[in-house]
Amino acid sequence: MTSGGVQWSRGDRAKAAARLMLGWVALLWLLELVDVATGHALDGLGITPREPSELIDVIPASFIHFGWSHVAANTVPLLVMGFLAALAGIRRFLAVSALIIVADGLGVWLIAPSHTNTAGASGLIFGLFGFLLVSGVVERRPLGILVGLLVGAVWGSAILTGLAPTQSGISWQGHLLGLAAGVAAAFVFRRRAATAALTP
């Protein structure tokens, strides 16, 4: 495969995707370490709805977590789903992730209950789930459809549980918005058959 005259083998793409996601997850753990070391000063980067000053936290909120158990719970699904999504191209993955993070964060800012503080990578995870679930169908790629089925089989029940409004301490709004943004991203960033082989 080529991009800008550079040959990209499947192995190259896999290595690039793995490096990106390992670095991404390492950043989340590092930020949690800083948060703990500073008396949870970073928790203020979560999103408090309908406060104009909180709009600047729409992006950083996806990288902040409320404790080690929170970041640990998000690590494996983000690592695996991010890796699978990044295999199709790093630039497209970053664009998909940006759309999910921004749309999810703005949605949380608009509709989350008052006096709440929402943060964490789960909105992105739900978005990547939605993206992987439907992108193969949208692009009519058999391998993509298979990946979507596998992701659905492994995480489908957890995703449904995370969408339940009865879960206390869980932003089901953020989960639902992230899922919707991921599905939308599959259409916005779908690859045409003639260019599907072009990646970095």
N, C-alpha and C. Protein backbone atom coordinates (compact mmCIF):
# COMPACT_ATOMS: atom_id res chain seq x y z
N MET A 1 0.84 -1.18 0.00
CA MET A 1 0.00 0.00 0.00
C MET A 1 0.88 1.23 0.00
N THR A 2 0.35 2.32 -0.58
CA THR A 2 1.16 3.51 -0.70
C THR A 2 0.44 4.72 -0.15
N SER A 3 1.21 5.71 0.23
CA SER A 3 0.68 7.00 0.63
C SER A 3 1.76 8.03 0.39
N GLY A 4 1.49 8.95 -0.56
CA GLY A 4 2.48 9.95 -0.87
C GLY A 4 3.76 9.36 -1.40
N GLY A 5 3.66 8.23 -2.11
CA GLY A 5 4.83 7.60 -2.68
C GLY A 5 5.56 6.69 -1.72
N VAL A 6 5.07 6.55 -0.48
CA VAL A 6 5.71 5.70 0.51
C VAL A 6 4.98 4.37 0.60
N GLN A 7 5.71 3.28 0.56
CA GLN A 7 5.10 1.95 0.65
C GLN A 7 4.79 1.62 2.11
N TRP A 8 3.56 1.13 2.33
CA TRP A 8 3.16 0.73 3.68
C TRP A 8 2.70 -0.72 3.62
N SER A 9 3.43 -1.61 4.27
CA SER A 9 3.01 -3.00 4.35
C SER A 9 2.03 -3.15 5.50
N ARG A 10 1.37 -4.29 5.55
CA ARG A 10 0.46 -4.55 6.67
C ARG A 10 1.20 -4.52 8.00
N GLY A 11 2.42 -5.05 7.97
CA GLY A 11 3.22 -5.04 9.19
C GLY A 11 3.55 -3.63 9.64
N ASP A 12 3.87 -2.75 8.68
CA ASP A 12 4.16 -1.35 9.01
C ASP A 12 2.94 -0.68 9.64
N ARG A 13 1.77 -0.92 9.03
CA ARG A 13 0.55 -0.31 9.56
C ARG A 13 0.24 -0.82 10.96
N ALA A 14 0.45 -2.11 11.19
CA ALA A 14 0.18 -2.69 12.50
C ALA A 14 1.13 -2.11 13.55
N LYS A 15 2.39 -1.96 13.18
CA LYS A 15 3.36 -1.39 14.12
C LYS A 15 3.02 0.06 14.45
N ALA A 16 2.66 0.82 13.42
CA ALA A 16 2.31 2.22 13.64
C ALA A 16 1.07 2.34 14.53
N ALA A 17 0.07 1.50 14.28
CA ALA A 17 -1.15 1.52 15.08
C ALA A 17 -0.87 1.12 16.52
N ALA A 18 -0.02 0.11 16.70
CA ALA A 18 0.32 -0.35 18.05
C ALA A 18 1.07 0.72 18.81
N ARG A 19 2.05 1.37 18.15
CA ARG A 19 2.81 2.43 18.82
C ARG A 19 1.91 3.59 19.23
N LEU A 20 1.00 3.96 18.33
CA LEU A 20 0.09 5.06 18.63
C LEU A 20 -0.76 4.76 19.85
N MET A 21 -1.37 3.58 19.87
CA MET A 21 -2.30 3.27 20.96
C MET A 21 -1.58 3.00 22.27
N LEU A 22 -0.41 2.40 22.22
CA LEU A 22 0.36 2.22 23.45
C LEU A 22 0.76 3.57 24.03
N GLY A 23 1.15 4.50 23.15
CA GLY A 23 1.48 5.84 23.61
C GLY A 23 0.26 6.56 24.16
N TRP A 24 -0.87 6.38 23.50
CA TRP A 24 -2.12 7.03 23.94
C TRP A 24 -2.50 6.55 25.34
N VAL A 25 -2.49 5.24 25.53
CA VAL A 25 -2.87 4.68 26.82
C VAL A 25 -1.84 5.06 27.89
N ALA A 26 -0.56 5.07 27.53
CA ALA A 26 0.47 5.48 28.48
C ALA A 26 0.24 6.91 28.94
N LEU A 27 -0.20 7.77 28.02
CA LEU A 27 -0.49 9.16 28.38
C LEU A 27 -1.63 9.23 29.40
N LEU A 28 -2.66 8.41 29.23
CA LEU A 28 -3.77 8.40 30.18
C LEU A 28 -3.30 8.03 31.58
N TRP A 29 -2.43 7.01 31.66
CA TRP A 29 -1.90 6.59 32.96
C TRP A 29 -0.98 7.65 33.55
N LEU A 30 -0.19 8.29 32.72
CA LEU A 30 0.69 9.36 33.20
C LEU A 30 -0.12 10.52 33.74
N LEU A 31 -1.19 10.88 33.04
CA LEU A 31 -2.04 11.97 33.50
C LEU A 31 -2.72 11.63 34.83
N GLU A 32 -3.10 10.37 34.99
CA GLU A 32 -3.71 9.97 36.26
C GLU A 32 -2.68 10.03 37.39
N LEU A 33 -1.44 9.66 37.07
CA LEU A 33 -0.37 9.76 38.06
C LEU A 33 -0.17 11.22 38.49
N VAL A 34 -0.16 12.12 37.51
CA VAL A 34 -0.04 13.54 37.82
C VAL A 34 -1.24 14.02 38.63
N ASP A 35 -2.42 13.53 38.28
CA ASP A 35 -3.64 13.91 38.99
C ASP A 35 -3.56 13.51 40.46
N VAL A 36 -3.13 12.29 40.71
CA VAL A 36 -3.01 11.80 42.09
C VAL A 36 -1.94 12.60 42.83
N ALA A 37 -0.81 12.84 42.16
CA ALA A 37 0.30 13.55 42.81
C ALA A 37 -0.04 15.00 43.14
N THR A 38 -1.00 15.58 42.43
CA THR A 38 -1.37 16.98 42.66
C THR A 38 -2.69 17.10 43.43
N GLY A 39 -3.09 16.03 44.11
CA GLY A 39 -4.34 16.09 44.88
C GLY A 39 -5.57 16.19 44.01
N HIS A 40 -5.52 15.52 42.86
CA HIS A 40 -6.63 15.46 41.92
C HIS A 40 -6.94 16.83 41.31
N ALA A 41 -5.90 17.59 41.06
CA ALA A 41 -6.08 18.91 40.44
C ALA A 41 -6.61 18.81 39.01
N LEU A 42 -6.29 17.70 38.33
CA LEU A 42 -6.73 17.56 36.95
C LEU A 42 -8.21 17.21 36.81
N ASP A 43 -8.83 16.80 37.90
CA ASP A 43 -10.26 16.46 37.82
C ASP A 43 -11.09 17.65 37.36
N GLY A 44 -10.57 18.85 37.58
CA GLY A 44 -11.29 20.05 37.16
C GLY A 44 -11.36 20.20 35.65
N LEU A 45 -10.62 19.37 34.91
CA LEU A 45 -10.68 19.40 33.45
C LEU A 45 -11.85 18.61 32.89
N GLY A 46 -12.65 18.00 33.79
CA GLY A 46 -13.88 17.37 33.33
C GLY A 46 -14.88 18.43 32.89
N ILE A 47 -15.98 17.98 32.30
CA ILE A 47 -16.97 18.91 31.72
C ILE A 47 -18.13 19.12 32.69
N THR A 48 -18.31 20.37 33.10
CA THR A 48 -19.50 20.77 33.85
C THR A 48 -20.46 21.40 32.85
N PRO A 49 -21.66 20.84 32.73
CA PRO A 49 -22.54 21.25 31.62
C PRO A 49 -23.02 22.70 31.71
N ARG A 50 -23.16 23.27 30.51
CA ARG A 50 -23.76 24.58 30.28
C ARG A 50 -23.06 25.74 30.98
N GLU A 51 -21.82 25.53 31.35
CA GLU A 51 -20.99 26.63 31.83
C GLU A 51 -20.08 27.05 30.68
N PRO A 52 -20.21 28.28 30.18
CA PRO A 52 -19.41 28.68 29.01
C PRO A 52 -17.91 28.46 29.18
N SER A 53 -17.40 28.68 30.38
CA SER A 53 -15.96 28.50 30.60
C SER A 53 -15.53 27.04 30.48
N GLU A 54 -16.47 26.11 30.57
CA GLU A 54 -16.15 24.69 30.52
C GLU A 54 -15.96 24.18 29.09
N LEU A 55 -16.27 24.99 28.10
CA LEU A 55 -16.10 24.55 26.71
C LEU A 55 -14.64 24.24 26.38
N ILE A 56 -13.72 24.88 27.08
CA ILE A 56 -12.31 24.61 26.82
C ILE A 56 -11.90 23.22 27.30
N ASP A 57 -12.75 22.58 28.12
CA ASP A 57 -12.44 21.25 28.65
C ASP A 57 -13.02 20.12 27.80
N VAL A 58 -13.67 20.45 26.70
CA VAL A 58 -14.31 19.43 25.86
C VAL A 58 -13.30 18.39 25.39
N ILE A 59 -12.12 18.81 24.97
CA ILE A 59 -11.10 17.87 24.50
C ILE A 59 -10.31 17.24 25.65
N PRO A 60 -9.76 18.03 26.59
CA PRO A 60 -8.98 17.40 27.67
C PRO A 60 -9.78 16.44 28.53
N ALA A 61 -11.10 16.61 28.62
CA ALA A 61 -11.90 15.72 29.45
C ALA A 61 -11.78 14.26 29.03
N SER A 62 -11.51 14.01 27.75
CA SER A 62 -11.39 12.63 27.27
C SER A 62 -10.10 11.96 27.70
N PHE A 63 -9.19 12.72 28.28
CA PHE A 63 -7.90 12.17 28.70
C PHE A 63 -7.76 12.11 30.22
N ILE A 64 -8.75 12.62 30.95
CA ILE A 64 -8.70 12.67 32.41
C ILE A 64 -9.61 11.61 32.99
N HIS A 65 -9.16 10.99 34.09
CA HIS A 65 -9.97 9.96 34.74
C HIS A 65 -10.06 10.21 36.24
N PHE A 66 -11.10 9.65 36.83
CA PHE A 66 -11.35 9.82 38.26
C PHE A 66 -10.87 8.59 39.04
N GLY A 67 -9.58 8.39 39.06
CA GLY A 67 -9.02 7.28 39.83
C GLY A 67 -8.43 6.18 38.96
N TRP A 68 -7.62 5.33 39.60
CA TRP A 68 -6.93 4.25 38.88
C TRP A 68 -7.89 3.24 38.31
N SER A 69 -8.96 2.93 39.04
CA SER A 69 -9.92 1.94 38.54
C SER A 69 -10.62 2.44 37.29
N HIS A 70 -10.84 3.75 37.23
CA HIS A 70 -11.49 4.35 36.07
C HIS A 70 -10.62 4.22 34.82
N VAL A 71 -9.35 4.61 34.93
CA VAL A 71 -8.46 4.51 33.78
C VAL A 71 -8.18 3.05 33.43
N ALA A 72 -8.12 2.19 34.43
CA ALA A 72 -7.88 0.77 34.17
C ALA A 72 -9.03 0.15 33.38
N ALA A 73 -10.26 0.53 33.73
CA ALA A 73 -11.43 -0.02 33.04
C ALA A 73 -11.47 0.39 31.58
N ASN A 74 -10.91 1.54 31.27
CA ASN A 74 -10.93 2.03 29.88
C ASN A 74 -9.73 1.58 29.06
N THR A 75 -8.71 1.05 29.72
CA THR A 75 -7.45 0.77 29.03
C THR A 75 -7.58 -0.28 27.94
N VAL A 76 -8.08 -1.46 28.27
CA VAL A 76 -8.11 -2.56 27.30
C VAL A 76 -9.03 -2.26 26.11
N PRO A 77 -10.28 -1.82 26.34
CA PRO A 77 -11.12 -1.55 25.17
C PRO A 77 -10.57 -0.42 24.29
N LEU A 78 -9.98 0.61 24.90
CA LEU A 78 -9.40 1.68 24.09
C LEU A 78 -8.20 1.18 23.30
N LEU A 79 -7.38 0.38 23.95
CA LEU A 79 -6.18 -0.15 23.29
C LEU A 79 -6.56 -1.02 22.09
N VAL A 80 -7.51 -1.93 22.29
CA VAL A 80 -7.87 -2.87 21.23
C VAL A 80 -8.67 -2.19 20.12
N MET A 81 -9.72 -1.46 20.50
CA MET A 81 -10.54 -0.82 19.46
C MET A 81 -9.77 0.27 18.74
N GLY A 82 -8.94 1.01 19.47
CA GLY A 82 -8.12 2.03 18.83
C GLY A 82 -7.14 1.41 17.84
N PHE A 83 -6.54 0.31 18.23
CA PHE A 83 -5.61 -0.39 17.34
C PHE A 83 -6.32 -0.85 16.07
N LEU A 84 -7.48 -1.46 16.22
CA LEU A 84 -8.23 -1.95 15.05
C LEU A 84 -8.62 -0.80 14.14
N ALA A 85 -9.07 0.31 14.72
CA ALA A 85 -9.47 1.46 13.90
C ALA A 85 -8.26 2.10 13.22
N ALA A 86 -7.13 2.13 13.91
CA ALA A 86 -5.93 2.77 13.36
C ALA A 86 -5.28 1.94 12.26
N LEU A 87 -5.59 0.66 12.19
CA LEU A 87 -5.02 -0.18 11.13
C LEU A 87 -5.38 0.32 9.74
N ALA A 88 -6.50 0.97 9.62
CA ALA A 88 -6.95 1.46 8.32
C ALA A 88 -6.30 2.78 7.94
N GLY A 89 -5.47 3.33 8.80
CA GLY A 89 -4.79 4.59 8.50
C GLY A 89 -4.73 5.49 9.71
N ILE A 90 -3.55 5.97 10.03
CA ILE A 90 -3.37 6.79 11.22
C ILE A 90 -4.09 8.13 11.07
N ARG A 91 -3.94 8.76 9.91
CA ARG A 91 -4.58 10.06 9.73
C ARG A 91 -6.10 9.97 9.86
N ARG A 92 -6.66 8.95 9.24
CA ARG A 92 -8.12 8.80 9.33
C ARG A 92 -8.53 8.49 10.76
N PHE A 93 -7.75 7.66 11.45
CA PHE A 93 -8.07 7.35 12.85
C PHE A 93 -8.07 8.61 13.70
N LEU A 94 -7.08 9.47 13.52
CA LEU A 94 -7.01 10.70 14.31
C LEU A 94 -8.19 11.61 13.99
N ALA A 95 -8.59 11.65 12.71
CA ALA A 95 -9.75 12.46 12.33
C ALA A 95 -11.03 11.90 12.95
N VAL A 96 -11.19 10.59 12.90
CA VAL A 96 -12.35 9.94 13.51
C VAL A 96 -12.38 10.21 15.01
N SER A 97 -11.25 10.04 15.67
CA SER A 97 -11.17 10.27 17.12
C SER A 97 -11.49 11.71 17.47
N ALA A 98 -10.97 12.65 16.67
CA ALA A 98 -11.24 14.07 16.93
C ALA A 98 -12.73 14.37 16.81
N LEU A 99 -13.38 13.83 15.78
CA LEU A 99 -14.81 14.05 15.62
C LEU A 99 -15.58 13.50 16.81
N ILE A 100 -15.23 12.28 17.23
CA ILE A 100 -15.92 11.65 18.36
C ILE A 100 -15.72 12.46 19.63
N ILE A 101 -14.48 12.83 19.92
CA ILE A 101 -14.18 13.54 21.16
C ILE A 101 -14.90 14.88 21.21
N VAL A 102 -14.84 15.63 20.11
CA VAL A 102 -15.47 16.96 20.10
C VAL A 102 -17.00 16.85 20.15
N ALA A 103 -17.57 15.98 19.32
CA ALA A 103 -19.03 15.84 19.30
C ALA A 103 -19.55 15.33 20.65
N ASP A 104 -18.86 14.35 21.21
CA ASP A 104 -19.26 13.79 22.50
C ASP A 104 -19.15 14.85 23.59
N GLY A 105 -18.02 15.56 23.61
CA GLY A 105 -17.82 16.58 24.65
C GLY A 105 -18.84 17.70 24.58
N LEU A 106 -19.12 18.18 23.37
CA LEU A 106 -20.12 19.23 23.22
C LEU A 106 -21.51 18.73 23.60
N GLY A 107 -21.81 17.48 23.24
CA GLY A 107 -23.10 16.92 23.62
C GLY A 107 -23.26 16.80 25.12
N VAL A 108 -22.21 16.33 25.79
CA VAL A 108 -22.23 16.25 27.26
C VAL A 108 -22.43 17.64 27.85
N TRP A 109 -21.72 18.62 27.32
CA TRP A 109 -21.85 19.99 27.82
C TRP A 109 -23.29 20.48 27.69
N LEU A 110 -23.97 20.05 26.63
CA LEU A 110 -25.33 20.51 26.39
C LEU A 110 -26.39 19.79 27.22
N ILE A 111 -26.26 18.46 27.37
CA ILE A 111 -27.40 17.70 27.92
C ILE A 111 -27.13 16.97 29.23
N ALA A 112 -25.91 16.95 29.70
CA ALA A 112 -25.64 16.24 30.96
C ALA A 112 -26.36 16.94 32.12
N PRO A 113 -26.68 16.20 33.18
CA PRO A 113 -27.35 16.83 34.33
C PRO A 113 -26.51 17.95 34.93
N SER A 114 -27.18 18.94 35.46
CA SER A 114 -26.49 20.06 36.09
C SER A 114 -25.65 19.59 37.27
N HIS A 115 -24.59 20.33 37.55
CA HIS A 115 -23.72 20.09 38.69
C HIS A 115 -23.01 18.73 38.65
N THR A 116 -22.80 18.21 37.44
CA THR A 116 -22.02 16.99 37.28
C THR A 116 -20.68 17.33 36.65
N ASN A 117 -19.74 16.42 36.78
CA ASN A 117 -18.41 16.58 36.19
C ASN A 117 -18.10 15.31 35.41
N THR A 118 -18.01 15.43 34.10
CA THR A 118 -17.85 14.26 33.24
C THR A 118 -16.47 14.25 32.61
N ALA A 119 -15.77 13.12 32.74
CA ALA A 119 -14.45 12.97 32.14
C ALA A 119 -14.20 11.49 31.88
N GLY A 120 -13.19 11.21 31.08
CA GLY A 120 -12.81 9.83 30.81
C GLY A 120 -12.87 9.50 29.33
N ALA A 121 -12.21 8.41 28.98
CA ALA A 121 -12.10 7.99 27.59
C ALA A 121 -13.28 7.14 27.13
N SER A 122 -14.26 6.93 27.98
CA SER A 122 -15.34 6.01 27.60
C SER A 122 -16.17 6.54 26.44
N GLY A 123 -16.34 7.86 26.33
CA GLY A 123 -17.06 8.40 25.18
C GLY A 123 -16.36 8.06 23.88
N LEU A 124 -15.02 8.16 23.88
CA LEU A 124 -14.24 7.78 22.70
C LEU A 124 -14.36 6.28 22.44
N ILE A 125 -14.34 5.48 23.50
CA ILE A 125 -14.44 4.03 23.35
C ILE A 125 -15.78 3.65 22.72
N PHE A 126 -16.85 4.23 23.22
CA PHE A 126 -18.17 3.95 22.64
C PHE A 126 -18.21 4.42 21.19
N GLY A 127 -17.54 5.53 20.90
CA GLY A 127 -17.48 6.02 19.53
C GLY A 127 -16.72 5.08 18.61
N LEU A 128 -15.58 4.58 19.08
CA LEU A 128 -14.81 3.64 18.27
C LEU A 128 -15.58 2.34 18.06
N PHE A 129 -16.33 1.93 19.08
CA PHE A 129 -17.19 0.75 18.93
C PHE A 129 -18.18 0.97 17.79
N GLY A 130 -18.87 2.12 17.81
CA GLY A 130 -19.83 2.40 16.76
C GLY A 130 -19.18 2.49 15.39
N PHE A 131 -18.01 3.10 15.35
CA PHE A 131 -17.28 3.24 14.09
C PHE A 131 -16.91 1.87 13.53
N LEU A 132 -16.33 1.02 14.36
CA LEU A 132 -15.92 -0.31 13.89
C LEU A 132 -17.12 -1.18 13.54
N LEU A 133 -18.22 -0.99 14.26
CA LEU A 133 -19.40 -1.81 14.04
C LEU A 133 -20.01 -1.59 12.66
N VAL A 134 -19.98 -0.34 12.18
CA VAL A 134 -20.69 -0.05 10.94
C VAL A 134 -19.79 0.32 9.76
N SER A 135 -18.52 0.64 9.99
CA SER A 135 -17.70 1.12 8.88
C SER A 135 -17.52 0.06 7.80
N GLY A 136 -17.38 -1.21 8.19
CA GLY A 136 -17.24 -2.26 7.20
C GLY A 136 -18.46 -2.38 6.31
N VAL A 137 -19.64 -2.21 6.90
CA VAL A 137 -20.89 -2.26 6.13
C VAL A 137 -20.98 -1.05 5.20
N VAL A 138 -20.66 0.12 5.74
CA VAL A 138 -20.73 1.36 4.96
C VAL A 138 -19.81 1.28 3.75
N GLU A 139 -18.61 0.72 3.95
CA GLU A 139 -17.61 0.65 2.88
C GLU A 139 -17.67 -0.65 2.09
N ARG A 140 -18.57 -1.55 2.49
CA ARG A 140 -18.75 -2.85 1.82
C ARG A 140 -17.44 -3.64 1.78
N ARG A 141 -16.76 -3.67 2.92
CA ARG A 141 -15.50 -4.43 3.05
C ARG A 141 -15.77 -5.66 3.91
N PRO A 142 -15.62 -6.85 3.37
CA PRO A 142 -15.88 -8.07 4.15
C PRO A 142 -15.04 -8.15 5.43
N LEU A 143 -13.76 -7.78 5.35
CA LEU A 143 -12.92 -7.84 6.55
C LEU A 143 -13.40 -6.85 7.59
N GLY A 144 -13.82 -5.67 7.15
CA GLY A 144 -14.35 -4.68 8.07
C GLY A 144 -15.63 -5.15 8.74
N ILE A 145 -16.48 -5.83 7.98
CA ILE A 145 -17.71 -6.39 8.54
C ILE A 145 -17.38 -7.44 9.58
N LEU A 146 -16.38 -8.28 9.30
CA LEU A 146 -15.96 -9.31 10.26
C LEU A 146 -15.44 -8.67 11.53
N VAL A 147 -14.63 -7.62 11.39
CA VAL A 147 -14.12 -6.92 12.57
C VAL A 147 -15.27 -6.35 13.40
N GLY A 148 -16.24 -5.76 12.72
CA GLY A 148 -17.40 -5.23 13.42
C GLY A 148 -18.16 -6.29 14.19
N LEU A 149 -18.32 -7.46 13.57
CA LEU A 149 -19.03 -8.56 14.24
C LEU A 149 -18.25 -9.04 15.47
N LEU A 150 -16.93 -9.13 15.34
CA LEU A 150 -16.11 -9.57 16.46
C LEU A 150 -16.15 -8.56 17.61
N VAL A 151 -16.04 -7.29 17.28
CA VAL A 151 -16.10 -6.24 18.30
C VAL A 151 -17.46 -6.26 18.98
N GLY A 152 -18.52 -6.44 18.18
CA GLY A 152 -19.86 -6.50 18.75
C GLY A 152 -20.03 -7.69 19.67
N ALA A 153 -19.45 -8.83 19.30
CA ALA A 153 -19.57 -10.03 20.13
C ALA A 153 -18.83 -9.88 21.45
N VAL A 154 -17.67 -9.23 21.41
CA VAL A 154 -16.84 -9.10 22.62
C VAL A 154 -17.37 -8.02 23.55
N TRP A 155 -17.74 -6.86 23.00
CA TRP A 155 -18.09 -5.72 23.85
C TRP A 155 -19.55 -5.30 23.76
N GLY A 156 -20.36 -5.98 22.96
CA GLY A 156 -21.74 -5.57 22.78
C GLY A 156 -22.53 -5.48 24.07
N SER A 157 -22.43 -6.48 24.93
CA SER A 157 -23.21 -6.46 26.17
C SER A 157 -22.74 -5.35 27.10
N ALA A 158 -21.44 -5.12 27.16
CA ALA A 158 -20.92 -4.04 28.00
C ALA A 158 -21.37 -2.68 27.48
N ILE A 159 -21.43 -2.53 26.17
CA ILE A 159 -21.89 -1.28 25.58
C ILE A 159 -23.35 -1.04 25.93
N LEU A 160 -24.17 -2.07 25.82
CA LEU A 160 -25.59 -1.92 26.17
C LEU A 160 -25.76 -1.55 27.63
N THR A 161 -24.97 -2.18 28.50
CA THR A 161 -25.03 -1.86 29.92
C THR A 161 -24.65 -0.41 30.17
N GLY A 162 -23.63 0.07 29.46
CA GLY A 162 -23.17 1.44 29.63
C GLY A 162 -24.14 2.49 29.13
N LEU A 163 -25.14 2.06 28.34
CA LEU A 163 -26.14 2.99 27.84
C LEU A 163 -27.36 3.08 28.75
N ALA A 164 -27.40 2.25 29.80
CA ALA A 164 -28.57 2.22 30.68
C ALA A 164 -28.60 3.46 31.58
N PRO A 165 -29.70 4.22 31.57
CA PRO A 165 -29.80 5.43 32.41
C PRO A 165 -29.81 5.12 33.90
N THR A 166 -30.02 3.87 34.27
CA THR A 166 -30.10 3.51 35.69
C THR A 166 -28.73 3.35 36.34
N GLN A 167 -27.65 3.38 35.56
CA GLN A 167 -26.30 3.21 36.11
C GLN A 167 -25.90 4.48 36.86
N SER A 168 -25.69 4.37 38.16
CA SER A 168 -25.29 5.54 38.94
C SER A 168 -23.80 5.80 38.76
N GLY A 169 -23.45 7.08 38.70
CA GLY A 169 -22.06 7.46 38.55
C GLY A 169 -21.51 7.25 37.17
N ILE A 170 -22.36 6.89 36.22
CA ILE A 170 -21.95 6.64 34.84
C ILE A 170 -22.65 7.66 33.93
N SER A 171 -21.90 8.27 33.04
CA SER A 171 -22.49 9.22 32.10
C SER A 171 -23.04 8.47 30.89
N TRP A 172 -24.28 7.97 31.03
CA TRP A 172 -24.87 7.27 29.89
C TRP A 172 -25.07 8.23 28.72
N GLN A 173 -25.24 9.52 29.03
CA GLN A 173 -25.37 10.50 27.96
C GLN A 173 -24.08 10.56 27.14
N GLY A 174 -22.93 10.59 27.83
CA GLY A 174 -21.65 10.61 27.13
C GLY A 174 -21.44 9.35 26.32
N HIS A 175 -21.87 8.21 26.86
CA HIS A 175 -21.73 6.96 26.13
C HIS A 175 -22.58 6.96 24.87
N LEU A 176 -23.83 7.38 25.01
CA LEU A 176 -24.76 7.39 23.88
C LEU A 176 -24.29 8.37 22.80
N LEU A 177 -23.85 9.54 23.23
CA LEU A 177 -23.38 10.54 22.27
C LEU A 177 -22.11 10.07 21.57
N GLY A 178 -21.22 9.43 22.32
CA GLY A 178 -20.00 8.90 21.71
C GLY A 178 -20.32 7.84 20.67
N LEU A 179 -21.26 6.94 21.01
CA LEU A 179 -21.67 5.90 20.07
C LEU A 179 -22.24 6.50 18.79
N ALA A 180 -23.11 7.49 18.95
CA ALA A 180 -23.71 8.15 17.78
C ALA A 180 -22.64 8.85 16.95
N ALA A 181 -21.68 9.49 17.61
CA ALA A 181 -20.62 10.18 16.88
C ALA A 181 -19.75 9.20 16.11
N GLY A 182 -19.51 8.02 16.69
CA GLY A 182 -18.72 7.00 16.00
C GLY A 182 -19.42 6.47 14.77
N VAL A 183 -20.72 6.26 14.86
CA VAL A 183 -21.48 5.82 13.70
C VAL A 183 -21.45 6.89 12.62
N ALA A 184 -21.61 8.15 13.02
CA ALA A 184 -21.56 9.25 12.06
C ALA A 184 -20.18 9.33 11.40
N ALA A 185 -19.13 9.10 12.19
CA ALA A 185 -17.77 9.16 11.65
C ALA A 185 -17.54 8.09 10.58
N ALA A 186 -18.21 6.95 10.72
CA ALA A 186 -18.06 5.89 9.71
C ALA A 186 -18.57 6.35 8.35
N PHE A 187 -19.57 7.22 8.36
CA PHE A 187 -20.08 7.76 7.10
C PHE A 187 -19.24 8.95 6.63
N VAL A 188 -18.88 9.82 7.55
CA VAL A 188 -18.12 11.03 7.19
C VAL A 188 -16.75 10.67 6.61
N PHE A 189 -16.12 9.67 7.23
CA PHE A 189 -14.75 9.32 6.82
C PHE A 189 -14.68 7.98 6.09
N ARG A 190 -15.77 7.59 5.45
CA ARG A 190 -15.76 6.32 4.73
C ARG A 190 -14.78 6.41 3.56
N ARG A 191 -14.14 5.28 3.27
CA ARG A 191 -13.18 5.22 2.18
C ARG A 191 -13.87 4.74 0.92
N ARG A 192 -13.55 5.36 -0.20
CA ARG A 192 -14.05 4.88 -1.48
C ARG A 192 -13.28 3.64 -1.88
N ALA A 193 -13.92 2.78 -2.65
CA ALA A 193 -13.29 1.52 -3.05
C ALA A 193 -11.97 1.76 -3.76
N ALA A 194 -11.89 2.81 -4.58
CA ALA A 194 -10.67 3.05 -5.36
C ALA A 194 -9.52 3.54 -4.52
N THR A 195 -9.84 4.11 -3.31
CA THR A 195 -8.79 4.68 -2.48
C THR A 195 -8.61 3.93 -1.18
N ALA A 196 -9.31 2.82 -1.03
CA ALA A 196 -9.27 2.08 0.23
C ALA A 196 -7.88 1.58 0.55
N ALA A 197 -7.03 1.43 -0.47
CA ALA A 197 -5.68 0.92 -0.22
C ALA A 197 -4.69 2.01 0.13
N LEU A 198 -5.14 3.27 0.12
CA LEU A 198 -4.21 4.36 0.42
C LEU A 198 -4.27 4.68 1.90
N THR A 199 -3.18 4.48 2.58
CA THR A 199 -3.12 4.73 4.02
C THR A 199 -1.81 5.38 4.38
N PRO A 200 -1.70 6.00 5.56
CA PRO A 200 -0.45 5.94 6.26
C PRO A 200 -0.71 5.12 7.47
